[in-house]
């Protein structure tokens, strides 16, 4: 049995799976007027999660930090070309393609949250900041909200297909790694330094996220 190395810290894993559950709920609740209030509540929770992840991307452990992301355009293009040739370079953290996907997902989710809070259905429900903008701005926000929802669905499907592809073709345990946080130690790679979660940094990341979420819940919809 291969030796394992801890890659994903607990806060990152909790963020990931909580976001998965809330995203699924948002898709379902967004299609029902009876669930729209809960749709907003789930959006507030995701807002807190996104803020936490952004801060944790600076203060978190090695592979949670954005500084570990491989976003160099040349590296991304080279990796993608090699992948199309079925030549795979294994990484402990996110691959170049995975790094880009995470950034796009976080950005799209943030845009979706903002536009949702500015939108209205012109019948029953309005976002908490709808009254702060013009009707034209709210209408544009509503259209963007619908468009980004479709984009997010496409991105999520691509993400799932990529996970399946990596598992079948390269035996990469991406799902299990995001559950227990460990990946197989590579014989050809230097073992990364083990790093624990700094409780102080965790508090700094969590507190603003909690404050934001609690404040959003006080707003009328």
N, C-alpha and C. Protein backbone atom coordinates (compact mmCIF):
# COMPACT_ATOMS: atom_id res chain seq x y z
N UNK A 1 0.84 -1.20 0.00
CA UNK A 1 0.00 0.00 0.00
C UNK A 1 0.87 1.26 0.00
N UNK A 2 0.54 2.21 -0.88
CA UNK A 2 1.35 3.42 -1.01
C UNK A 2 1.26 4.27 0.25
N UNK A 3 2.39 4.91 0.57
CA UNK A 3 2.39 5.84 1.69
C UNK A 3 1.55 7.06 1.31
N UNK A 4 0.91 7.65 2.31
CA UNK A 4 0.02 8.79 2.07
C UNK A 4 0.59 10.05 2.69
N UNK A 5 0.28 11.17 2.09
CA UNK A 5 0.72 12.46 2.60
C UNK A 5 -0.49 13.39 2.68
N UNK A 6 -0.60 14.11 3.78
CA UNK A 6 -1.72 15.04 3.96
C UNK A 6 -1.54 16.25 3.05
N UNK A 7 -2.55 16.51 2.23
CA UNK A 7 -2.52 17.62 1.29
C UNK A 7 -3.58 18.67 1.62
N UNK A 8 -4.82 18.23 1.72
CA UNK A 8 -5.92 19.18 1.94
C UNK A 8 -6.27 19.26 3.42
N UNK A 9 -6.19 20.47 3.97
CA UNK A 9 -6.51 20.66 5.38
C UNK A 9 -8.02 20.56 5.61
N UNK A 10 -8.40 20.39 6.86
CA UNK A 10 -9.81 20.20 7.20
C UNK A 10 -10.68 21.40 6.79
N UNK A 11 -10.26 22.65 7.04
CA UNK A 11 -11.10 23.78 6.60
C UNK A 11 -11.37 23.77 5.10
N UNK A 12 -10.37 23.43 4.31
CA UNK A 12 -10.55 23.39 2.85
C UNK A 12 -11.54 22.30 2.47
N UNK A 13 -11.45 21.16 3.11
CA UNK A 13 -12.37 20.05 2.79
C UNK A 13 -13.80 20.38 3.22
N UNK A 14 -13.95 20.98 4.39
CA UNK A 14 -15.28 21.37 4.85
C UNK A 14 -15.88 22.42 3.92
N UNK A 15 -15.05 23.37 3.50
CA UNK A 15 -15.51 24.38 2.55
C UNK A 15 -16.01 23.70 1.28
N UNK A 16 -15.24 22.79 0.76
CA UNK A 16 -15.57 22.14 -0.51
C UNK A 16 -16.90 21.41 -0.45
N UNK A 17 -17.08 20.56 0.54
CA UNK A 17 -18.29 19.73 0.58
C UNK A 17 -19.52 20.53 1.02
N UNK A 18 -19.31 21.54 1.84
CA UNK A 18 -20.44 22.41 2.19
C UNK A 18 -20.89 23.20 0.97
N UNK A 19 -19.93 23.66 0.18
CA UNK A 19 -20.27 24.38 -1.05
C UNK A 19 -20.99 23.47 -2.03
N UNK A 20 -20.56 22.23 -2.14
CA UNK A 20 -21.23 21.27 -3.03
C UNK A 20 -22.70 21.13 -2.64
N UNK A 21 -22.95 20.94 -1.35
CA UNK A 21 -24.32 20.74 -0.87
C UNK A 21 -25.16 22.00 -1.09
N UNK A 22 -24.60 23.16 -0.78
CA UNK A 22 -25.35 24.40 -0.94
C UNK A 22 -25.60 24.73 -2.40
N UNK A 23 -24.64 24.43 -3.26
CA UNK A 23 -24.83 24.69 -4.69
C UNK A 23 -25.98 23.85 -5.24
N UNK A 24 -26.02 22.59 -4.85
CA UNK A 24 -27.11 21.71 -5.29
C UNK A 24 -28.45 22.25 -4.80
N UNK A 25 -28.47 22.70 -3.55
CA UNK A 25 -29.71 23.25 -2.99
C UNK A 25 -30.12 24.53 -3.71
N UNK A 26 -29.15 25.37 -4.06
CA UNK A 26 -29.45 26.61 -4.76
C UNK A 26 -30.08 26.35 -6.12
N UNK A 27 -29.58 25.35 -6.83
CA UNK A 27 -30.14 25.01 -8.14
C UNK A 27 -31.59 24.56 -8.00
N UNK A 28 -31.85 23.73 -6.99
CA UNK A 28 -33.21 23.21 -6.78
C UNK A 28 -34.15 24.31 -6.30
N UNK A 29 -33.72 25.05 -5.30
CA UNK A 29 -34.59 26.07 -4.70
C UNK A 29 -34.84 27.25 -5.63
N UNK A 30 -33.90 27.50 -6.55
CA UNK A 30 -34.07 28.62 -7.47
C UNK A 30 -35.17 28.43 -8.48
N UNK A 31 -35.67 27.21 -8.59
CA UNK A 31 -36.73 26.91 -9.56
C UNK A 31 -38.12 26.93 -8.93
N UNK A 32 -38.20 27.24 -7.65
CA UNK A 32 -39.49 27.20 -6.95
C UNK A 32 -39.73 28.49 -6.17
N UNK A 33 -40.85 29.15 -6.44
CA UNK A 33 -41.19 30.36 -5.67
C UNK A 33 -41.37 30.05 -4.19
N UNK A 34 -41.87 28.86 -3.90
CA UNK A 34 -42.11 28.49 -2.50
C UNK A 34 -40.81 28.33 -1.72
N UNK A 35 -39.70 28.10 -2.43
CA UNK A 35 -38.42 27.89 -1.76
C UNK A 35 -37.49 29.09 -1.91
N UNK A 36 -38.00 30.18 -2.48
CA UNK A 36 -37.12 31.30 -2.80
C UNK A 36 -36.49 31.93 -1.56
N UNK A 37 -37.21 31.99 -0.46
CA UNK A 37 -36.62 32.53 0.76
C UNK A 37 -35.42 31.69 1.19
N UNK A 38 -35.55 30.38 1.10
CA UNK A 38 -34.44 29.49 1.44
C UNK A 38 -33.32 29.60 0.41
N UNK A 39 -33.68 29.93 -0.82
CA UNK A 39 -32.69 30.16 -1.87
C UNK A 39 -31.78 31.33 -1.47
N UNK A 40 -32.40 32.39 -0.98
CA UNK A 40 -31.62 33.53 -0.50
C UNK A 40 -30.76 33.15 0.69
N UNK A 41 -31.33 32.41 1.62
CA UNK A 41 -30.57 32.02 2.81
C UNK A 41 -29.34 31.18 2.43
N UNK A 42 -29.53 30.26 1.49
CA UNK A 42 -28.40 29.44 1.03
C UNK A 42 -27.36 30.32 0.36
N UNK A 43 -27.82 31.33 -0.39
CA UNK A 43 -26.89 32.26 -1.02
C UNK A 43 -26.08 33.04 0.00
N UNK A 44 -26.72 33.40 1.11
CA UNK A 44 -25.99 34.10 2.18
C UNK A 44 -24.89 33.21 2.75
N UNK A 45 -25.22 31.94 2.94
CA UNK A 45 -24.22 31.00 3.47
C UNK A 45 -23.05 30.84 2.50
N UNK A 46 -23.37 30.78 1.21
CA UNK A 46 -22.31 30.66 0.21
C UNK A 46 -21.45 31.93 0.19
N UNK A 47 -22.06 33.08 0.41
CA UNK A 47 -21.30 34.34 0.47
C UNK A 47 -20.24 34.26 1.57
N UNK A 48 -20.64 33.76 2.72
CA UNK A 48 -19.69 33.59 3.81
C UNK A 48 -18.60 32.60 3.46
N UNK A 49 -18.99 31.52 2.80
CA UNK A 49 -18.01 30.51 2.39
C UNK A 49 -16.98 31.08 1.43
N UNK A 50 -17.46 31.85 0.45
CA UNK A 50 -16.55 32.42 -0.54
C UNK A 50 -15.58 33.39 0.11
N UNK A 51 -16.09 34.23 1.02
CA UNK A 51 -15.20 35.16 1.72
C UNK A 51 -14.17 34.40 2.54
N UNK A 52 -14.61 33.34 3.22
CA UNK A 52 -13.68 32.52 3.99
C UNK A 52 -12.60 31.94 3.08
N UNK A 53 -13.02 31.40 1.92
CA UNK A 53 -12.05 30.75 1.03
C UNK A 53 -11.04 31.74 0.48
N UNK A 54 -11.49 32.96 0.21
CA UNK A 54 -10.57 33.97 -0.29
C UNK A 54 -9.51 34.29 0.77
N UNK A 55 -9.94 34.47 2.00
CA UNK A 55 -8.98 34.76 3.07
C UNK A 55 -8.11 33.55 3.35
N UNK A 56 -8.72 32.36 3.33
CA UNK A 56 -7.97 31.14 3.58
C UNK A 56 -6.98 30.87 2.44
N UNK A 57 -7.27 31.42 1.28
CA UNK A 57 -6.34 31.29 0.16
C UNK A 57 -5.07 32.09 0.37
N UNK A 58 -5.09 32.96 1.36
CA UNK A 58 -3.90 33.74 1.72
C UNK A 58 -3.27 33.21 3.00
N UNK A 59 -4.10 32.81 3.96
CA UNK A 59 -3.61 32.44 5.29
C UNK A 59 -3.59 30.94 5.55
N UNK A 60 -4.14 30.15 4.65
CA UNK A 60 -4.28 28.72 4.89
C UNK A 60 -2.98 27.95 4.74
N UNK A 61 -3.10 26.63 4.78
CA UNK A 61 -1.94 25.77 4.62
C UNK A 61 -1.47 25.77 3.17
N UNK A 62 -0.35 25.14 2.92
CA UNK A 62 0.36 25.27 1.64
C UNK A 62 -0.53 25.13 0.41
N UNK A 63 -1.26 24.03 0.32
CA UNK A 63 -2.00 23.77 -0.91
C UNK A 63 -3.36 24.46 -0.95
N UNK A 64 -3.75 25.06 0.15
CA UNK A 64 -4.97 25.87 0.16
C UNK A 64 -4.68 27.29 -0.30
N UNK A 65 -3.42 27.71 -0.22
CA UNK A 65 -3.06 29.08 -0.56
C UNK A 65 -3.04 29.29 -2.07
N UNK A 66 -3.49 30.45 -2.50
CA UNK A 66 -3.49 30.78 -3.92
C UNK A 66 -2.08 30.82 -4.48
N UNK A 67 -1.11 31.07 -3.63
CA UNK A 67 0.28 31.11 -4.09
C UNK A 67 0.76 29.76 -4.60
N UNK A 68 0.06 28.68 -4.23
CA UNK A 68 0.43 27.34 -4.71
C UNK A 68 -0.25 27.02 -6.04
N UNK A 69 -1.19 27.88 -6.47
CA UNK A 69 -1.90 27.63 -7.72
C UNK A 69 -0.95 27.86 -8.90
N UNK A 70 -1.09 27.04 -9.91
CA UNK A 70 -0.24 27.14 -11.10
C UNK A 70 -1.01 27.85 -12.20
N UNK A 71 -0.97 29.18 -12.17
CA UNK A 71 -1.79 29.99 -13.06
C UNK A 71 -0.99 30.62 -14.20
N UNK A 72 0.29 30.27 -14.30
CA UNK A 72 1.09 30.78 -15.41
C UNK A 72 0.50 30.30 -16.73
N UNK A 73 0.16 31.22 -17.65
CA UNK A 73 -0.48 30.82 -18.91
C UNK A 73 0.29 29.75 -19.67
N UNK A 74 1.61 29.88 -19.70
CA UNK A 74 2.42 28.89 -20.42
C UNK A 74 2.28 27.51 -19.79
N UNK A 75 2.30 27.46 -18.46
CA UNK A 75 2.16 26.18 -17.76
C UNK A 75 0.78 25.58 -18.01
N UNK A 76 -0.24 26.42 -18.02
CA UNK A 76 -1.61 25.93 -18.24
C UNK A 76 -1.75 25.37 -19.65
N UNK A 77 -1.22 26.10 -20.64
CA UNK A 77 -1.32 25.66 -22.04
C UNK A 77 -0.54 24.36 -22.24
N UNK A 78 0.68 24.31 -21.69
CA UNK A 78 1.50 23.11 -21.84
C UNK A 78 0.85 21.91 -21.18
N UNK A 79 0.31 22.11 -19.99
CA UNK A 79 -0.35 21.02 -19.28
C UNK A 79 -1.55 20.52 -20.06
N UNK A 80 -2.34 21.45 -20.58
CA UNK A 80 -3.55 21.07 -21.33
C UNK A 80 -3.18 20.31 -22.60
N UNK A 81 -2.15 20.77 -23.31
CA UNK A 81 -1.71 20.08 -24.52
C UNK A 81 -1.26 18.66 -24.20
N UNK A 82 -0.49 18.52 -23.13
CA UNK A 82 -0.01 17.19 -22.73
C UNK A 82 -1.17 16.30 -22.32
N UNK A 83 -2.17 16.90 -21.66
CA UNK A 83 -3.33 16.13 -21.22
C UNK A 83 -4.10 15.60 -22.42
N UNK A 84 -4.22 16.42 -23.46
CA UNK A 84 -4.91 15.99 -24.68
C UNK A 84 -4.16 14.86 -25.38
N UNK A 85 -2.85 14.81 -25.14
CA UNK A 85 -2.04 13.71 -25.67
C UNK A 85 -1.99 12.53 -24.71
N UNK A 86 -2.79 12.64 -23.63
CA UNK A 86 -2.85 11.61 -22.59
C UNK A 86 -1.53 11.46 -21.87
N UNK A 87 -0.79 12.58 -21.78
CA UNK A 87 0.44 12.62 -21.00
C UNK A 87 0.14 13.42 -19.73
N UNK A 88 0.23 12.75 -18.61
CA UNK A 88 -0.22 13.36 -17.36
C UNK A 88 0.93 13.57 -16.39
N UNK A 89 1.05 14.80 -15.89
CA UNK A 89 1.99 15.11 -14.83
C UNK A 89 1.20 15.24 -13.54
N UNK A 90 1.56 14.44 -12.55
CA UNK A 90 0.81 14.43 -11.30
C UNK A 90 1.29 15.55 -10.37
N UNK A 91 0.35 16.14 -9.68
CA UNK A 91 0.65 17.22 -8.73
C UNK A 91 0.05 16.86 -7.37
N UNK A 92 0.69 17.32 -6.30
CA UNK A 92 0.11 17.12 -4.98
C UNK A 92 -1.11 18.01 -4.80
N UNK A 93 -0.98 19.27 -5.18
CA UNK A 93 -2.09 20.20 -5.07
C UNK A 93 -2.87 20.25 -6.37
N UNK A 94 -3.37 21.44 -6.71
CA UNK A 94 -4.13 21.60 -7.94
C UNK A 94 -3.19 21.57 -9.15
N UNK A 95 -3.64 20.94 -10.22
CA UNK A 95 -2.92 21.01 -11.49
C UNK A 95 -3.10 22.41 -12.07
N UNK A 96 -2.34 22.76 -13.13
CA UNK A 96 -2.56 24.07 -13.77
C UNK A 96 -4.00 24.25 -14.24
N UNK A 97 -4.57 23.21 -14.85
CA UNK A 97 -5.97 23.29 -15.30
C UNK A 97 -6.91 23.39 -14.11
N UNK A 98 -6.62 22.64 -13.06
CA UNK A 98 -7.44 22.69 -11.86
C UNK A 98 -7.36 24.03 -11.16
N UNK A 99 -6.19 24.64 -11.18
CA UNK A 99 -6.02 25.96 -10.57
C UNK A 99 -6.89 27.00 -11.27
N UNK A 100 -6.89 26.95 -12.60
CA UNK A 100 -7.71 27.88 -13.38
C UNK A 100 -9.19 27.64 -13.09
N UNK A 101 -9.58 26.36 -13.01
CA UNK A 101 -10.98 26.03 -12.75
C UNK A 101 -11.44 26.58 -11.40
N UNK A 102 -10.61 26.45 -10.39
CA UNK A 102 -10.97 26.95 -9.05
C UNK A 102 -11.18 28.46 -9.08
N UNK A 103 -10.28 29.18 -9.73
CA UNK A 103 -10.39 30.64 -9.81
C UNK A 103 -11.66 31.04 -10.56
N UNK A 104 -11.94 30.37 -11.67
CA UNK A 104 -13.15 30.68 -12.45
C UNK A 104 -14.40 30.38 -11.64
N UNK A 105 -14.41 29.26 -10.94
CA UNK A 105 -15.58 28.90 -10.13
C UNK A 105 -15.82 29.91 -9.02
N UNK A 106 -14.76 30.29 -8.32
CA UNK A 106 -14.91 31.26 -7.23
C UNK A 106 -15.39 32.61 -7.77
N UNK A 107 -14.81 33.03 -8.89
CA UNK A 107 -15.22 34.30 -9.48
C UNK A 107 -16.66 34.27 -9.97
N UNK A 108 -17.05 33.17 -10.59
CA UNK A 108 -18.41 33.03 -11.10
C UNK A 108 -19.42 32.98 -9.96
N UNK A 109 -19.07 32.28 -8.90
CA UNK A 109 -19.95 32.22 -7.74
C UNK A 109 -20.12 33.59 -7.09
N UNK A 110 -19.02 34.33 -6.98
CA UNK A 110 -19.10 35.67 -6.41
C UNK A 110 -20.00 36.57 -7.25
N UNK A 111 -19.84 36.49 -8.58
CA UNK A 111 -20.69 37.28 -9.48
C UNK A 111 -22.15 36.87 -9.36
N UNK A 112 -22.38 35.57 -9.24
CA UNK A 112 -23.74 35.06 -9.10
C UNK A 112 -24.39 35.56 -7.81
N UNK A 113 -23.63 35.59 -6.75
CA UNK A 113 -24.17 36.06 -5.47
C UNK A 113 -24.51 37.54 -5.52
N UNK A 114 -23.62 38.33 -6.09
CA UNK A 114 -23.84 39.77 -6.17
C UNK A 114 -25.07 40.09 -7.02
N UNK A 115 -25.15 39.48 -8.20
CA UNK A 115 -26.28 39.76 -9.09
C UNK A 115 -27.59 39.27 -8.50
N UNK A 116 -27.54 38.16 -7.76
CA UNK A 116 -28.76 37.65 -7.14
C UNK A 116 -29.31 38.61 -6.10
N UNK A 117 -28.42 39.27 -5.38
CA UNK A 117 -28.86 40.21 -4.35
C UNK A 117 -29.36 41.52 -4.92
N UNK A 118 -29.12 41.74 -6.21
CA UNK A 118 -29.59 42.96 -6.87
C UNK A 118 -30.84 42.72 -7.71
N UNK A 119 -31.24 41.47 -7.84
CA UNK A 119 -32.30 41.09 -8.78
C UNK A 119 -33.68 41.08 -8.15
N UNK A 120 -34.69 40.99 -9.01
CA UNK A 120 -36.08 40.83 -8.57
C UNK A 120 -36.83 40.00 -9.60
N UNK A 121 -37.87 39.31 -9.13
CA UNK A 121 -38.72 38.59 -10.08
C UNK A 121 -39.94 39.43 -10.47
N UNK A 122 -39.98 40.66 -9.97
CA UNK A 122 -41.07 41.62 -10.27
C UNK A 122 -42.43 41.17 -9.75
N UNK A 123 -42.45 40.13 -8.93
CA UNK A 123 -43.73 39.64 -8.40
C UNK A 123 -43.69 39.52 -6.88
N UNK A 124 -42.88 38.57 -6.41
CA UNK A 124 -42.86 38.28 -4.98
C UNK A 124 -41.54 38.61 -4.30
N UNK A 125 -40.43 38.33 -4.99
CA UNK A 125 -39.14 38.36 -4.31
C UNK A 125 -38.20 39.39 -4.93
N UNK A 126 -37.44 40.04 -4.07
CA UNK A 126 -36.39 40.96 -4.50
C UNK A 126 -35.17 40.74 -3.62
N UNK A 127 -34.00 40.87 -4.23
CA UNK A 127 -32.77 40.75 -3.47
C UNK A 127 -32.65 41.86 -2.43
N UNK A 128 -31.85 41.66 -1.41
CA UNK A 128 -31.75 42.65 -0.32
C UNK A 128 -31.21 44.00 -0.76
N UNK A 129 -30.51 44.06 -1.89
CA UNK A 129 -29.95 45.33 -2.36
C UNK A 129 -30.65 45.84 -3.62
N UNK A 130 -31.78 45.24 -3.95
CA UNK A 130 -32.53 45.64 -5.14
C UNK A 130 -32.93 47.12 -5.08
N UNK A 131 -33.36 47.58 -3.94
CA UNK A 131 -33.83 48.97 -3.80
C UNK A 131 -32.69 49.99 -3.90
N UNK A 132 -31.45 49.52 -3.83
CA UNK A 132 -30.32 50.44 -3.86
C UNK A 132 -29.85 50.75 -5.29
N UNK A 133 -30.43 50.07 -6.28
CA UNK A 133 -30.01 50.27 -7.67
C UNK A 133 -31.22 50.64 -8.52
N UNK A 134 -30.95 51.10 -9.73
CA UNK A 134 -32.02 51.46 -10.64
C UNK A 134 -32.69 50.21 -11.20
N UNK A 135 -33.88 50.38 -11.77
CA UNK A 135 -34.58 49.24 -12.36
C UNK A 135 -33.78 48.64 -13.50
N UNK A 136 -33.12 49.49 -14.27
CA UNK A 136 -32.31 49.00 -15.39
C UNK A 136 -31.15 48.15 -14.89
N UNK A 137 -30.49 48.63 -13.84
CA UNK A 137 -29.38 47.87 -13.25
C UNK A 137 -29.87 46.53 -12.71
N UNK A 138 -31.02 46.54 -12.05
CA UNK A 138 -31.59 45.31 -11.51
C UNK A 138 -31.94 44.33 -12.63
N UNK A 139 -32.45 44.86 -13.75
CA UNK A 139 -32.80 44.00 -14.88
C UNK A 139 -31.55 43.36 -15.47
N UNK A 140 -30.49 44.16 -15.62
CA UNK A 140 -29.22 43.63 -16.13
C UNK A 140 -28.67 42.57 -15.18
N UNK A 141 -28.74 42.86 -13.88
CA UNK A 141 -28.26 41.91 -12.87
C UNK A 141 -29.02 40.60 -12.97
N UNK A 142 -30.34 40.69 -13.20
CA UNK A 142 -31.15 39.48 -13.32
C UNK A 142 -30.75 38.63 -14.50
N UNK A 143 -30.46 39.29 -15.64
CA UNK A 143 -30.04 38.56 -16.83
C UNK A 143 -28.67 37.90 -16.62
N UNK A 144 -27.78 38.65 -15.99
CA UNK A 144 -26.45 38.09 -15.69
C UNK A 144 -26.59 36.90 -14.75
N UNK A 145 -27.48 37.02 -13.77
CA UNK A 145 -27.70 35.94 -12.80
C UNK A 145 -28.14 34.65 -13.51
N UNK A 146 -29.04 34.77 -14.46
CA UNK A 146 -29.51 33.60 -15.20
C UNK A 146 -28.40 33.02 -16.07
N UNK A 147 -27.62 33.90 -16.71
CA UNK A 147 -26.54 33.44 -17.58
C UNK A 147 -25.44 32.74 -16.80
N UNK A 148 -25.05 33.34 -15.67
CA UNK A 148 -23.97 32.76 -14.87
C UNK A 148 -24.41 31.44 -14.25
N UNK A 149 -25.71 31.31 -13.96
CA UNK A 149 -26.20 30.02 -13.45
C UNK A 149 -25.93 28.91 -14.46
N UNK A 150 -26.20 29.19 -15.73
CA UNK A 150 -25.94 28.19 -16.77
C UNK A 150 -24.45 27.92 -16.91
N UNK A 151 -23.64 28.99 -16.81
CA UNK A 151 -22.19 28.83 -16.87
C UNK A 151 -21.70 27.95 -15.74
N UNK A 152 -22.21 28.18 -14.54
CA UNK A 152 -21.79 27.39 -13.38
C UNK A 152 -22.17 25.92 -13.54
N UNK A 153 -23.34 25.67 -14.09
CA UNK A 153 -23.75 24.29 -14.32
C UNK A 153 -22.80 23.60 -15.29
N UNK A 154 -22.40 24.31 -16.34
CA UNK A 154 -21.45 23.76 -17.31
C UNK A 154 -20.11 23.49 -16.64
N UNK A 155 -19.64 24.44 -15.84
CA UNK A 155 -18.36 24.28 -15.14
C UNK A 155 -18.39 23.10 -14.18
N UNK A 156 -19.49 22.95 -13.47
CA UNK A 156 -19.62 21.83 -12.52
C UNK A 156 -19.62 20.50 -13.26
N UNK A 157 -20.34 20.44 -14.38
CA UNK A 157 -20.36 19.20 -15.18
C UNK A 157 -18.96 18.88 -15.69
N UNK A 158 -18.24 19.90 -16.18
CA UNK A 158 -16.87 19.69 -16.64
C UNK A 158 -15.98 19.22 -15.50
N UNK A 159 -16.19 19.79 -14.33
CA UNK A 159 -15.41 19.41 -13.14
C UNK A 159 -15.64 17.94 -12.79
N UNK A 160 -16.89 17.52 -12.83
CA UNK A 160 -17.22 16.12 -12.52
C UNK A 160 -16.64 15.18 -13.57
N UNK A 161 -16.76 15.56 -14.85
CA UNK A 161 -16.21 14.73 -15.93
C UNK A 161 -14.69 14.63 -15.80
N UNK A 162 -14.05 15.73 -15.41
CA UNK A 162 -12.59 15.71 -15.24
C UNK A 162 -12.19 14.77 -14.11
N UNK A 163 -12.95 14.79 -13.02
CA UNK A 163 -12.68 13.89 -11.90
C UNK A 163 -12.78 12.43 -12.33
N UNK A 164 -13.83 12.13 -13.10
CA UNK A 164 -14.01 10.76 -13.60
C UNK A 164 -12.87 10.38 -14.53
N UNK A 165 -12.49 11.30 -15.43
CA UNK A 165 -11.41 11.04 -16.38
C UNK A 165 -10.09 10.77 -15.65
N UNK A 166 -9.77 11.60 -14.67
CA UNK A 166 -8.52 11.43 -13.93
C UNK A 166 -8.51 10.11 -13.16
N UNK A 167 -9.67 9.71 -12.66
CA UNK A 167 -9.75 8.46 -11.90
C UNK A 167 -9.58 7.26 -12.82
N UNK A 168 -10.27 7.28 -13.96
CA UNK A 168 -10.24 6.14 -14.88
C UNK A 168 -8.91 6.04 -15.61
N UNK A 169 -8.43 7.18 -16.11
CA UNK A 169 -7.23 7.17 -16.95
C UNK A 169 -5.95 7.18 -16.14
N UNK A 170 -5.89 7.96 -15.08
CA UNK A 170 -4.63 8.14 -14.36
C UNK A 170 -4.67 7.63 -12.93
N UNK A 171 -5.80 7.05 -12.52
CA UNK A 171 -5.94 6.50 -11.16
C UNK A 171 -5.71 7.54 -10.07
N UNK A 172 -6.09 8.77 -10.36
CA UNK A 172 -5.94 9.86 -9.38
C UNK A 172 -7.15 9.85 -8.44
N UNK A 173 -6.93 9.67 -7.13
CA UNK A 173 -8.04 9.60 -6.16
C UNK A 173 -8.50 10.98 -5.71
N UNK A 174 -9.03 11.77 -6.62
CA UNK A 174 -9.35 13.16 -6.30
C UNK A 174 -10.48 13.29 -5.29
N UNK A 175 -11.51 12.45 -5.43
CA UNK A 175 -12.65 12.54 -4.51
C UNK A 175 -12.25 12.11 -3.11
N UNK A 176 -11.61 10.95 -3.00
CA UNK A 176 -11.22 10.46 -1.69
C UNK A 176 -10.21 11.40 -1.02
N UNK A 177 -9.36 12.03 -1.83
CA UNK A 177 -8.38 12.97 -1.27
C UNK A 177 -9.08 14.17 -0.64
N UNK A 178 -10.21 14.58 -1.24
CA UNK A 178 -10.95 15.71 -0.69
C UNK A 178 -11.83 15.29 0.48
N UNK A 179 -11.91 14.00 0.75
CA UNK A 179 -12.65 13.50 1.92
C UNK A 179 -11.72 13.37 3.13
N UNK A 180 -10.63 12.64 2.95
CA UNK A 180 -9.70 12.44 4.08
C UNK A 180 -8.47 13.34 4.02
N UNK A 181 -8.30 14.04 2.91
CA UNK A 181 -7.22 15.02 2.81
C UNK A 181 -5.88 14.48 2.36
N UNK A 182 -5.80 13.17 2.08
CA UNK A 182 -4.50 12.57 1.76
C UNK A 182 -4.40 12.14 0.31
N UNK A 183 -3.17 12.18 -0.20
CA UNK A 183 -2.86 11.67 -1.53
C UNK A 183 -1.67 10.72 -1.42
N UNK A 184 -1.55 9.79 -2.38
CA UNK A 184 -0.40 8.88 -2.35
C UNK A 184 0.91 9.65 -2.50
N UNK A 185 1.89 9.25 -1.73
CA UNK A 185 3.21 9.87 -1.82
C UNK A 185 3.90 9.36 -3.08
N UNK A 186 4.39 10.26 -3.90
CA UNK A 186 5.00 9.88 -5.17
C UNK A 186 6.46 9.50 -4.95
N UNK A 187 6.87 8.41 -5.55
CA UNK A 187 8.25 7.94 -5.39
C UNK A 187 9.25 8.92 -5.98
N UNK A 188 8.84 9.57 -7.08
CA UNK A 188 9.78 10.43 -7.80
C UNK A 188 9.77 11.88 -7.30
N UNK A 189 8.89 12.16 -6.36
CA UNK A 189 8.75 13.54 -5.91
C UNK A 189 9.21 13.68 -4.46
N UNK A 190 9.75 14.83 -4.16
CA UNK A 190 10.16 15.11 -2.80
C UNK A 190 8.92 15.28 -1.93
N UNK A 191 8.93 14.67 -0.77
CA UNK A 191 7.78 14.77 0.12
C UNK A 191 7.63 16.21 0.60
N UNK A 192 6.43 16.79 0.41
CA UNK A 192 6.23 18.16 0.88
C UNK A 192 6.27 18.24 2.40
N UNK A 193 6.71 19.38 2.89
CA UNK A 193 6.77 19.56 4.34
C UNK A 193 5.37 19.48 4.94
N UNK A 194 5.25 18.76 6.04
CA UNK A 194 3.96 18.64 6.70
C UNK A 194 3.64 19.95 7.42
N UNK A 195 2.39 20.36 7.30
CA UNK A 195 2.00 21.66 7.84
C UNK A 195 0.62 21.56 8.47
N UNK A 196 0.52 21.95 9.73
CA UNK A 196 -0.75 21.92 10.41
C UNK A 196 -1.50 23.23 10.25
N UNK A 197 -2.78 23.20 10.58
CA UNK A 197 -3.61 24.40 10.50
C UNK A 197 -3.29 25.32 11.66
N UNK A 198 -3.02 26.58 11.35
CA UNK A 198 -2.78 27.58 12.39
C UNK A 198 -4.14 28.08 12.89
N UNK A 199 -4.43 27.84 14.17
CA UNK A 199 -5.74 28.21 14.71
C UNK A 199 -5.98 29.71 14.63
N UNK A 200 -4.95 30.50 14.84
CA UNK A 200 -5.09 31.96 14.76
C UNK A 200 -5.48 32.39 13.35
N UNK A 201 -4.81 31.83 12.35
CA UNK A 201 -5.14 32.14 10.96
C UNK A 201 -6.56 31.70 10.62
N UNK A 202 -6.95 30.55 11.15
CA UNK A 202 -8.29 30.04 10.91
C UNK A 202 -9.33 31.01 11.47
N UNK A 203 -9.07 31.54 12.65
CA UNK A 203 -10.00 32.50 13.26
C UNK A 203 -10.08 33.78 12.43
N UNK A 204 -8.94 34.24 11.93
CA UNK A 204 -8.92 35.45 11.11
C UNK A 204 -9.74 35.24 9.84
N UNK A 205 -9.67 34.04 9.27
CA UNK A 205 -10.42 33.75 8.05
C UNK A 205 -11.90 33.54 8.33
N UNK A 206 -12.21 32.91 9.45
CA UNK A 206 -13.60 32.55 9.74
C UNK A 206 -14.42 33.72 10.26
N UNK A 207 -13.82 34.58 11.07
CA UNK A 207 -14.58 35.65 11.72
C UNK A 207 -15.27 36.59 10.72
N UNK A 208 -14.56 37.14 9.72
CA UNK A 208 -15.25 38.01 8.76
C UNK A 208 -16.35 37.28 8.00
N UNK A 209 -16.12 36.00 7.70
CA UNK A 209 -17.13 35.22 6.98
C UNK A 209 -18.39 35.05 7.82
N UNK A 210 -18.20 34.80 9.11
CA UNK A 210 -19.35 34.64 10.02
C UNK A 210 -20.09 35.96 10.17
N UNK A 211 -19.35 37.05 10.32
CA UNK A 211 -19.97 38.37 10.47
C UNK A 211 -20.77 38.72 9.22
N UNK A 212 -20.19 38.50 8.04
CA UNK A 212 -20.89 38.79 6.79
C UNK A 212 -22.18 37.98 6.69
N UNK A 213 -22.09 36.70 6.98
CA UNK A 213 -23.26 35.83 6.87
C UNK A 213 -24.36 36.26 7.83
N UNK A 214 -23.99 36.53 9.06
CA UNK A 214 -24.99 36.96 10.05
C UNK A 214 -25.64 38.28 9.65
N UNK A 215 -24.84 39.21 9.11
CA UNK A 215 -25.39 40.49 8.68
C UNK A 215 -26.37 40.31 7.52
N UNK A 216 -26.03 39.47 6.56
CA UNK A 216 -26.92 39.23 5.42
C UNK A 216 -28.26 38.67 5.87
N UNK A 217 -28.25 37.84 6.90
CA UNK A 217 -29.49 37.25 7.39
C UNK A 217 -30.40 38.29 8.05
N UNK A 218 -29.86 39.44 8.39
CA UNK A 218 -30.69 40.49 9.00
C UNK A 218 -31.39 41.35 7.96
N UNK A 219 -31.01 41.22 6.70
CA UNK A 219 -31.56 42.08 5.65
C UNK A 219 -32.92 41.58 5.17
N UNK A 220 -33.83 42.50 4.89
CA UNK A 220 -35.15 42.09 4.38
C UNK A 220 -35.06 41.66 2.92
N UNK A 221 -35.91 40.70 2.54
CA UNK A 221 -35.97 40.26 1.15
C UNK A 221 -37.43 40.27 0.69
